[in-house]
N, C-alpha and C. Protein backbone atom coordinates (compact mmCIF):
# COMPACT_ATOMS: atom_id res chain seq x y z
N UNK A 1 170.63 107.72 -120.17
CA UNK A 1 171.09 109.08 -120.26
C UNK A 1 171.39 109.59 -118.86
N UNK A 2 172.45 110.34 -118.70
CA UNK A 2 172.83 110.88 -117.41
C UNK A 2 172.05 112.13 -117.07
N UNK A 3 172.56 112.85 -116.09
CA UNK A 3 171.91 114.08 -115.65
C UNK A 3 171.94 115.11 -116.78
N UNK A 4 170.86 115.86 -116.89
CA UNK A 4 170.77 116.84 -117.97
C UNK A 4 170.47 118.24 -117.47
N UNK A 5 170.43 118.48 -116.17
CA UNK A 5 170.04 119.80 -115.68
C UNK A 5 171.15 120.82 -115.76
N UNK A 6 172.38 120.43 -115.83
CA UNK A 6 173.44 121.42 -115.87
C UNK A 6 174.79 120.79 -116.14
N UNK A 7 175.79 121.63 -116.21
CA UNK A 7 177.13 121.17 -116.55
C UNK A 7 177.78 120.40 -115.43
N UNK A 8 177.36 120.67 -114.20
CA UNK A 8 177.93 119.98 -113.07
C UNK A 8 179.25 120.56 -112.59
N UNK A 9 179.78 121.55 -113.30
CA UNK A 9 181.06 122.13 -112.90
C UNK A 9 180.94 122.93 -111.61
N UNK A 10 179.83 123.58 -111.42
CA UNK A 10 179.62 124.38 -110.21
C UNK A 10 178.25 124.02 -109.66
N UNK A 11 178.16 122.89 -108.99
CA UNK A 11 176.86 122.35 -108.56
C UNK A 11 176.12 123.28 -107.64
N UNK A 12 176.82 124.11 -106.86
CA UNK A 12 176.13 124.97 -105.92
C UNK A 12 175.31 126.04 -106.61
N UNK A 13 175.78 126.56 -107.73
CA UNK A 13 175.01 127.59 -108.42
C UNK A 13 174.22 127.00 -109.58
N UNK A 14 174.32 125.70 -109.82
CA UNK A 14 173.63 125.04 -110.92
C UNK A 14 172.20 124.75 -110.53
N UNK A 15 171.37 125.79 -110.49
CA UNK A 15 169.96 125.61 -110.21
C UNK A 15 169.58 125.75 -108.75
N UNK A 16 170.54 125.94 -107.86
CA UNK A 16 170.21 126.11 -106.46
C UNK A 16 169.64 127.51 -106.29
N UNK A 17 168.34 127.58 -106.20
CA UNK A 17 167.63 128.85 -106.20
C UNK A 17 166.76 128.90 -104.97
N UNK A 18 167.32 129.33 -103.86
CA UNK A 18 166.58 129.41 -102.62
C UNK A 18 166.14 130.86 -102.45
N UNK A 19 164.82 131.13 -102.43
CA UNK A 19 164.36 132.52 -102.34
C UNK A 19 164.98 133.30 -101.18
N UNK A 20 165.14 132.69 -100.04
CA UNK A 20 165.65 133.41 -98.88
C UNK A 20 167.14 133.72 -98.99
N UNK A 21 167.84 133.05 -99.89
CA UNK A 21 169.28 133.27 -100.02
C UNK A 21 169.56 134.71 -100.43
N UNK A 22 168.77 135.23 -101.36
CA UNK A 22 168.98 136.59 -101.83
C UNK A 22 168.86 137.60 -100.69
N UNK A 23 168.02 137.33 -99.74
CA UNK A 23 167.84 138.26 -98.64
C UNK A 23 168.75 137.94 -97.46
N UNK A 24 169.60 136.89 -97.62
CA UNK A 24 170.53 136.54 -96.56
C UNK A 24 169.89 135.81 -95.41
N UNK A 25 168.75 135.16 -95.63
CA UNK A 25 168.03 134.51 -94.54
C UNK A 25 168.17 133.00 -94.57
N UNK A 26 169.39 132.51 -94.61
CA UNK A 26 169.60 131.08 -94.48
C UNK A 26 169.17 130.69 -93.08
N UNK A 27 168.46 129.60 -92.96
CA UNK A 27 168.01 129.13 -91.66
C UNK A 27 168.97 128.04 -91.19
N UNK A 28 169.57 128.26 -90.05
CA UNK A 28 170.52 127.30 -89.50
C UNK A 28 169.80 125.96 -89.28
N UNK A 29 170.44 124.89 -89.70
CA UNK A 29 169.90 123.56 -89.50
C UNK A 29 169.01 123.06 -90.62
N UNK A 30 168.64 123.92 -91.58
CA UNK A 30 167.82 123.48 -92.71
C UNK A 30 168.75 122.94 -93.78
N UNK A 31 168.49 121.71 -94.21
CA UNK A 31 169.33 121.05 -95.21
C UNK A 31 168.80 121.39 -96.60
N UNK A 32 169.19 122.55 -97.12
CA UNK A 32 168.75 122.99 -98.44
C UNK A 32 169.31 122.09 -99.54
N UNK A 33 170.51 121.58 -99.34
CA UNK A 33 171.16 120.78 -100.37
C UNK A 33 170.42 119.47 -100.60
N UNK A 34 169.95 118.80 -99.55
CA UNK A 34 169.22 117.54 -99.72
C UNK A 34 167.94 117.77 -100.51
N UNK A 35 167.21 118.83 -100.20
CA UNK A 35 166.00 119.15 -100.95
C UNK A 35 166.30 119.46 -102.40
N UNK A 36 167.40 120.18 -102.61
CA UNK A 36 167.79 120.51 -103.98
C UNK A 36 168.20 119.26 -104.76
N UNK A 37 168.90 118.34 -104.11
CA UNK A 37 169.30 117.10 -104.79
C UNK A 37 168.07 116.31 -105.23
N UNK A 38 167.07 116.21 -104.36
CA UNK A 38 165.82 115.52 -104.72
C UNK A 38 165.15 116.22 -105.89
N UNK A 39 165.12 117.54 -105.83
CA UNK A 39 164.50 118.31 -106.91
C UNK A 39 165.28 118.14 -108.21
N UNK A 40 166.60 118.05 -108.11
CA UNK A 40 167.41 117.89 -109.31
C UNK A 40 167.12 116.55 -109.99
N UNK A 41 166.93 115.50 -109.21
CA UNK A 41 166.57 114.21 -109.80
C UNK A 41 165.25 114.30 -110.54
N UNK A 42 164.26 114.97 -109.93
CA UNK A 42 162.96 115.13 -110.58
C UNK A 42 163.09 116.01 -111.82
N UNK A 43 163.89 117.08 -111.73
CA UNK A 43 164.10 117.96 -112.88
C UNK A 43 164.78 117.21 -114.02
N UNK A 44 165.74 116.34 -113.69
CA UNK A 44 166.40 115.52 -114.71
C UNK A 44 165.38 114.65 -115.44
N UNK A 45 164.49 114.01 -114.69
CA UNK A 45 163.47 113.16 -115.32
C UNK A 45 162.57 113.99 -116.23
N UNK A 46 162.15 115.16 -115.75
CA UNK A 46 161.28 116.01 -116.56
C UNK A 46 162.02 116.52 -117.79
N UNK A 47 163.28 116.88 -117.65
CA UNK A 47 164.06 117.33 -118.81
C UNK A 47 164.24 116.22 -119.84
N UNK A 48 164.42 114.98 -119.38
CA UNK A 48 164.50 113.86 -120.32
C UNK A 48 163.17 113.69 -121.05
N UNK A 49 162.05 113.89 -120.33
CA UNK A 49 160.73 113.81 -120.96
C UNK A 49 160.57 114.92 -122.00
N UNK A 50 161.03 116.14 -121.66
CA UNK A 50 160.98 117.24 -122.64
C UNK A 50 161.76 116.87 -123.89
N UNK A 51 162.97 116.34 -123.71
CA UNK A 51 163.78 115.92 -124.86
C UNK A 51 163.08 114.85 -125.67
N UNK A 52 162.50 113.87 -124.98
CA UNK A 52 161.79 112.79 -125.67
C UNK A 52 160.57 113.27 -126.44
N UNK A 53 159.99 114.38 -126.01
CA UNK A 53 158.82 114.94 -126.68
C UNK A 53 159.22 115.92 -127.79
N UNK A 54 160.53 116.06 -128.02
CA UNK A 54 161.00 116.90 -129.12
C UNK A 54 161.31 118.34 -128.75
N UNK A 55 161.32 118.66 -127.47
CA UNK A 55 161.67 120.02 -127.03
C UNK A 55 163.17 120.12 -126.86
N UNK A 56 163.69 121.32 -127.00
CA UNK A 56 165.10 121.58 -126.75
C UNK A 56 165.23 122.26 -125.39
N UNK A 57 166.21 121.84 -124.61
CA UNK A 57 166.38 122.40 -123.27
C UNK A 57 166.80 123.86 -123.29
N UNK A 58 167.26 124.34 -124.43
CA UNK A 58 167.57 125.76 -124.54
C UNK A 58 166.28 126.58 -124.67
N UNK A 59 165.15 125.91 -124.91
CA UNK A 59 163.88 126.60 -125.09
C UNK A 59 162.94 126.41 -123.91
N UNK A 60 162.99 125.25 -123.28
CA UNK A 60 162.17 124.95 -122.10
C UNK A 60 162.92 123.93 -121.27
N UNK A 61 162.93 124.14 -119.96
CA UNK A 61 163.64 123.20 -119.10
C UNK A 61 163.10 123.26 -117.69
N UNK A 62 163.33 122.17 -116.98
CA UNK A 62 163.00 122.08 -115.56
C UNK A 62 164.25 122.45 -114.78
N UNK A 63 164.08 123.25 -113.73
CA UNK A 63 165.19 123.72 -112.93
C UNK A 63 164.96 123.35 -111.47
N UNK A 64 165.94 122.72 -110.87
CA UNK A 64 165.85 122.33 -109.47
C UNK A 64 166.02 123.55 -108.58
N UNK A 65 165.28 123.55 -107.49
CA UNK A 65 165.33 124.65 -106.54
C UNK A 65 164.90 124.11 -105.19
N UNK A 66 164.85 124.98 -104.19
CA UNK A 66 164.28 124.64 -102.89
C UNK A 66 163.43 125.79 -102.41
N UNK A 67 162.54 125.48 -101.48
CA UNK A 67 161.78 126.56 -100.86
C UNK A 67 162.49 126.96 -99.57
N UNK A 68 161.90 127.89 -98.83
CA UNK A 68 162.54 128.41 -97.63
C UNK A 68 162.70 127.38 -96.52
N UNK A 69 161.94 126.27 -96.62
CA UNK A 69 162.04 125.20 -95.61
C UNK A 69 163.00 124.09 -96.04
N UNK A 70 163.61 124.23 -97.21
CA UNK A 70 164.55 123.23 -97.70
C UNK A 70 163.92 122.12 -98.51
N UNK A 71 162.60 122.21 -98.76
CA UNK A 71 161.94 121.20 -99.59
C UNK A 71 162.29 121.42 -101.05
N UNK A 72 162.47 120.32 -101.77
CA UNK A 72 162.77 120.42 -103.19
C UNK A 72 161.60 121.00 -103.97
N UNK A 73 161.92 121.84 -104.94
CA UNK A 73 160.94 122.46 -105.82
C UNK A 73 161.51 122.38 -107.23
N UNK A 74 160.64 122.09 -108.20
CA UNK A 74 161.06 122.11 -109.60
C UNK A 74 160.26 123.18 -110.31
N UNK A 75 160.99 124.07 -110.96
CA UNK A 75 160.35 125.14 -111.73
C UNK A 75 160.57 124.86 -113.21
N UNK A 76 159.57 125.15 -114.02
CA UNK A 76 159.70 125.03 -115.46
C UNK A 76 159.87 126.44 -116.00
N UNK A 77 160.89 126.62 -116.80
CA UNK A 77 161.17 127.92 -117.39
C UNK A 77 161.37 127.75 -118.89
N UNK A 78 160.93 128.73 -119.64
CA UNK A 78 161.11 128.62 -121.08
C UNK A 78 160.54 129.80 -121.83
N UNK A 79 160.79 129.76 -123.13
CA UNK A 79 160.26 130.79 -124.01
C UNK A 79 158.75 130.66 -124.06
N UNK A 80 158.07 131.78 -124.14
CA UNK A 80 156.62 131.81 -124.11
C UNK A 80 155.99 130.93 -125.19
N UNK A 81 156.47 131.01 -126.40
CA UNK A 81 155.88 130.21 -127.48
C UNK A 81 156.06 128.72 -127.25
N UNK A 82 157.19 128.34 -126.67
CA UNK A 82 157.46 126.92 -126.41
C UNK A 82 156.61 126.44 -125.24
N UNK A 83 156.47 127.27 -124.21
CA UNK A 83 155.62 126.90 -123.07
C UNK A 83 154.17 126.79 -123.52
N UNK A 84 153.74 127.66 -124.42
CA UNK A 84 152.38 127.54 -124.98
C UNK A 84 152.22 126.21 -125.72
N UNK A 85 153.24 125.82 -126.48
CA UNK A 85 153.20 124.52 -127.19
C UNK A 85 153.15 123.37 -126.19
N UNK A 86 153.93 123.46 -125.12
CA UNK A 86 153.92 122.44 -124.07
C UNK A 86 152.55 122.37 -123.40
N UNK A 87 151.97 123.52 -123.12
CA UNK A 87 150.63 123.56 -122.51
C UNK A 87 149.61 122.87 -123.41
N UNK A 88 149.68 123.14 -124.70
CA UNK A 88 148.76 122.50 -125.65
C UNK A 88 148.93 120.99 -125.66
N UNK A 89 150.17 120.53 -125.61
CA UNK A 89 150.44 119.10 -125.58
C UNK A 89 149.87 118.46 -124.32
N UNK A 90 150.04 119.12 -123.19
CA UNK A 90 149.50 118.60 -121.93
C UNK A 90 147.97 118.62 -121.94
N UNK A 91 147.37 119.66 -122.49
CA UNK A 91 145.91 119.73 -122.58
C UNK A 91 145.37 118.61 -123.45
N UNK A 92 146.06 118.33 -124.57
CA UNK A 92 145.64 117.22 -125.45
C UNK A 92 145.72 115.89 -124.70
N UNK A 93 146.79 115.69 -123.97
CA UNK A 93 146.98 114.45 -123.21
C UNK A 93 145.91 114.30 -122.15
N UNK A 94 145.62 115.39 -121.43
CA UNK A 94 144.60 115.33 -120.39
C UNK A 94 143.23 115.08 -121.01
N UNK A 95 142.97 115.66 -122.17
CA UNK A 95 141.68 115.49 -122.83
C UNK A 95 141.49 114.09 -123.39
N UNK A 96 142.59 113.40 -123.73
CA UNK A 96 142.47 112.09 -124.33
C UNK A 96 142.05 111.01 -123.36
N UNK A 97 142.26 111.24 -122.06
CA UNK A 97 141.86 110.22 -121.08
C UNK A 97 140.91 110.82 -120.04
N UNK A 98 140.29 111.91 -120.39
CA UNK A 98 139.31 112.51 -119.49
C UNK A 98 139.94 113.29 -118.35
N UNK A 99 141.25 113.57 -118.46
CA UNK A 99 141.91 114.33 -117.41
C UNK A 99 142.30 113.50 -116.21
N UNK A 100 142.20 112.18 -116.32
CA UNK A 100 142.55 111.30 -115.19
C UNK A 100 144.03 111.36 -114.93
N UNK A 101 144.38 111.23 -113.66
CA UNK A 101 145.80 111.22 -113.30
C UNK A 101 146.21 109.85 -112.82
């Protein structure tokens, strides 16, 4: 399966969510795009896992972003009831093996 985080038509606005951008505080020399690309790969993997677990991306999804230093960040966003269901699934999984990672 290919990338699932967005349409790809406008990659710059497709999940590029840098908090400092709204305030106009881009830091010269910080490679926000590289961090976002790394985060997008991780978000794609998580979105494929959501799909494999029976979730719909219109209800819960991972979104690639960066922090103010240009490091990749993945945020999970979704409807409250679906996120509660996801939390329950993760709690069950953690409980089945003693919470080991």
